[in-house]
C-alpha atoms as a PDB file:
ATOM      1  CA  MET A   1      85.969 -25.748 -57.375  1.00  0.00           C
ATOM      2  CA  GLU A   2      84.470 -22.866 -59.192  1.00  0.00           C
ATOM      3  CA  GLU A   3      83.312 -19.678 -57.440  1.00  0.00           C
ATOM      4  CA  ILE A   4      79.842 -18.471 -58.455  1.00  0.00           C
ATOM      5  CA  LYS A   5      79.665 -14.909 -59.676  1.00  0.00           C
ATOM      6  CA  LYS A   6      76.435 -12.828 -59.308  1.00  0.00           C
ATOM      7  CA  GLU A   7      75.936 -12.800 -63.039  1.00  0.00           C
ATOM      8  CA  ASP A   8      76.210 -16.540 -63.340  1.00  0.00           C
ATOM      9  CA  LEU A   9      73.949 -17.542 -60.495  1.00  0.00           C
ATOM     10  CA  SER A  10      70.684 -17.658 -62.383  1.00  0.00           C
ATOM     11  CA  ILE A  11      72.297 -19.694 -65.193  1.00  0.00           C
ATOM     12  CA  ILE A  12      73.571 -22.299 -62.733  1.00  0.00           C
ATOM     13  CA  LEU A  13      70.263 -22.429 -60.776  1.00  0.00           C
ATOM     14  CA  ASN A  14      68.142 -22.881 -63.907  1.00  0.00           C
ATOM     15  CA  SER A  15      70.399 -25.507 -65.415  1.00  0.00           C
ATOM     16  CA  HIS A  16      68.826 -28.752 -66.647  1.00  0.00           C
ATOM     17  CA  TYR A  17      72.018 -30.531 -65.400  1.00  0.00           C
ATOM     18  CA  GLN A  18      72.645 -31.684 -61.895  1.00  0.00           C
ATOM     19  CA  GLN A  19      74.405 -28.951 -59.911  1.00  0.00           C
ATOM     20  CA  PHE A  20      76.379 -29.179 -56.735  1.00  0.00           C
ATOM     21  CA  ILE A  21      76.803 -25.960 -54.807  1.00  0.00           C
ATOM     22  CA  PHE A  22      79.054 -25.751 -51.766  1.00  0.00           C
ATOM     23  CA  ILE A  23      77.940 -22.849 -49.554  1.00  0.00           C
ATOM     24  CA  TYR A  24      80.495 -21.452 -47.070  1.00  0.00           C
ATOM     25  CA  THR A  25      81.783 -18.378 -45.309  1.00  0.00           C
ATOM     26  CA  PRO A  26      85.456 -17.419 -45.546  1.00  0.00           C
ATOM     27  CA  PHE A  27      86.298 -17.534 -41.824  1.00  0.00           C
ATOM     28  CA  CYS A  28      84.517 -20.748 -40.962  1.00  0.00           C
ATOM     29  CA  GLY A  29      86.914 -23.528 -39.914  1.00  0.00           C
ATOM     30  CA  THR A  30      84.340 -26.285 -40.457  1.00  0.00           C
ATOM     31  CA  CYS A  31      83.769 -24.901 -43.997  1.00  0.00           C
ATOM     32  CA  LYS A  32      87.526 -25.320 -44.719  1.00  0.00           C
ATOM     33  CA  LEU A  33      87.399 -29.022 -43.671  1.00  0.00           C
ATOM     34  CA  ALA A  34      84.275 -29.667 -45.728  1.00  0.00           C
ATOM     35  CA  ARG A  35      85.922 -27.962 -48.724  1.00  0.00           C
ATOM     36  CA  ARG A  36      88.961 -30.273 -48.441  1.00  0.00           C
ATOM     37  CA  MET A  37      86.599 -33.313 -48.472  1.00  0.00           C
ATOM     38  CA  LEU A  38      84.849 -32.025 -51.556  1.00  0.00           C
ATOM     39  CA  GLU A  39      88.132 -31.240 -53.296  1.00  0.00           C
ATOM     40  CA  THR A  40      89.157 -34.833 -52.739  1.00  0.00           C
ATOM     41  CA  ILE A  41      85.980 -36.056 -54.335  1.00  0.00           C
ATOM     42  CA  GLU A  42      86.170 -33.533 -57.200  1.00  0.00           C
ATOM     43  CA  ASN A  43      89.529 -35.051 -58.181  1.00  0.00           C
ATOM     44  CA  ILE A  44      88.006 -38.496 -58.823  1.00  0.00           C
ATOM     45  CA  GLU A  45      87.501 -39.162 -62.503  1.00  0.00           C
ATOM     46  CA  GLY A  46      83.928 -38.718 -63.587  1.00  0.00           C
ATOM     47  CA  PHE A  47      82.904 -36.433 -60.810  1.00  0.00           C
ATOM     48  CA  PRO A  48      81.843 -32.887 -61.635  1.00  0.00           C
ATOM     49  CA  THR A  49      83.345 -29.585 -60.542  1.00  0.00           C
ATOM     50  CA  PHE A  50      81.573 -28.190 -57.530  1.00  0.00           C
ATOM     51  CA  HIS A  51      80.365 -24.602 -57.534  1.00  0.00           C
ATOM     52  CA  THR A  52      81.166 -22.573 -54.470  1.00  0.00           C
ATOM     53  CA  LEU A  53      79.020 -19.759 -53.063  1.00  0.00           C
ATOM     54  CA  ASN A  54      80.115 -17.345 -50.381  1.00  0.00           C
ATOM     55  CA  ALA A  55      77.003 -17.064 -48.143  1.00  0.00           C
ATOM     56  CA  SER A  56      78.033 -13.519 -47.058  1.00  0.00           C
ATOM     57  CA  LEU A  57      77.718 -12.284 -50.637  1.00  0.00           C
ATOM     58  CA  PHE A  58      74.339 -14.002 -51.431  1.00  0.00           C
ATOM     59  CA  PRO A  59      71.898 -13.244 -48.556  1.00  0.00           C
ATOM     60  CA  GLU A  60      68.907 -13.451 -50.940  1.00  0.00           C
ATOM     61  CA  PHE A  61      69.933 -16.968 -52.057  1.00  0.00           C
ATOM     62  CA  MET A  62      70.328 -17.992 -48.403  1.00  0.00           C
ATOM     63  CA  GLN A  63      66.858 -16.695 -47.554  1.00  0.00           C
ATOM     64  CA  ASP A  64      65.077 -17.846 -50.726  1.00  0.00           C
ATOM     65  CA  TYR A  65      66.432 -21.411 -50.507  1.00  0.00           C
ATOM     66  CA  GLN A  66      66.220 -21.575 -46.701  1.00  0.00           C
ATOM     67  CA  VAL A  67      69.845 -22.462 -46.179  1.00  0.00           C
ATOM     68  CA  GLU A  68      70.130 -22.674 -42.353  1.00  0.00           C
ATOM     69  CA  SER A  69      73.858 -22.833 -41.747  1.00  0.00           C
ATOM     70  CA  VAL A  70      77.247 -23.358 -43.360  1.00  0.00           C
ATOM     71  CA  PRO A  71      78.893 -25.462 -44.533  1.00  0.00           C
ATOM     72  CA  CYS A  72      76.138 -26.732 -46.767  1.00  0.00           C
ATOM     73  CA  LEU A  73      76.200 -28.728 -49.984  1.00  0.00           C
ATOM     74  CA  VAL A  74      73.132 -28.201 -52.146  1.00  0.00           C
ATOM     75  CA  MET A  75      72.130 -30.631 -54.772  1.00  0.00           C
ATOM     76  CA  MET A  76      69.812 -28.985 -57.300  1.00  0.00           C
ATOM     77  CA  LYS A  77      68.487 -29.329 -60.790  1.00  0.00           C
ATOM     78  CA  LYS A  78      66.116 -26.993 -62.722  1.00  0.00           C
ATOM     79  CA  ASN A  79      65.961 -24.488 -59.910  1.00  0.00           C
ATOM     80  CA  GLN A  80      64.752 -27.137 -57.442  1.00  0.00           C
ATOM     81  CA  ILE A  81      66.704 -28.185 -54.434  1.00  0.00           C
ATOM     82  CA  GLN A  82      66.870 -31.950 -54.161  1.00  0.00           C
ATOM     83  CA  GLU A  83      68.851 -32.110 -50.939  1.00  0.00           C
ATOM     84  CA  LYS A  84      70.850 -29.963 -48.562  1.00  0.00           C
ATOM     85  CA  VAL A  85      73.704 -31.536 -46.671  1.00  0.00           C
ATOM     86  CA  TYR A  86      74.962 -29.882 -43.488  1.00  0.00           C
ATOM     87  CA  ALA A  87      76.860 -32.746 -41.923  1.00  0.00           C
ATOM     88  CA  PHE A  88      80.168 -33.562 -43.656  1.00  0.00           C
ATOM     89  CA  GLN A  89      81.026 -36.767 -41.764  1.00  0.00           C
ATOM     90  CA  SER A  90      83.601 -38.392 -44.068  1.00  0.00           C
ATOM     91  CA  VAL A  91      84.908 -38.489 -47.645  1.00  0.00           C
ATOM     92  CA  PRO A  92      83.352 -41.965 -48.313  1.00  0.00           C
ATOM     93  CA  ASP A  93      79.952 -40.768 -46.893  1.00  0.00           C
ATOM     94  CA  MET A  94      79.937 -37.695 -49.127  1.00  0.00           C
ATOM     95  CA  TYR A  95      81.201 -39.680 -52.112  1.00  0.00           C
ATOM     96  CA  ARG A  96      78.175 -42.103 -51.880  1.00  0.00           C
ATOM     97  CA  LYS A  97      75.754 -39.182 -51.384  1.00  0.00           C
ATOM     98  CA  ILE A  98      77.097 -37.290 -54.407  1.00  0.00           C
ATOM     99  CA  GLU A  99      77.409 -40.387 -56.586  1.00  0.00           C
ATOM    100  CA  SER A 100      73.728 -41.160 -56.055  1.00  0.00           C
ATOM    101  CA  TYR A 101      72.883 -37.887 -57.856  1.00  0.00           C
ATOM    102  CA  LEU A 102      75.147 -38.430 -60.863  1.00  0.00           C
ATOM    103  CA  ASN A 103      72.904 -41.022 -62.535  1.00  0.00           C
ATOM    104  CA  ARG A 104      69.618 -39.132 -62.087  1.00  0.00           C
END
């Protein structure tokens, strides 16, 4: 997982490539569980590195993109959110969801 820095945010958001941004807060226990799920998926060959964004440091992003809670996985491309996932039910469920965006 790769932490987003303020200076890199606009580059990532405007990318023509599919982006996966995991939004969390440091003291959120559910966020830690969700992160472990995503780290498992990230280690599968052919899957991208997820970007991570600390919601506490990016309040403008949270408001502009109407992120309602954490943890949240945002799928976006060309500065457009395609989907926001708030429920991290299982690794296989998240695997299928993420995989569906890889061939778009």
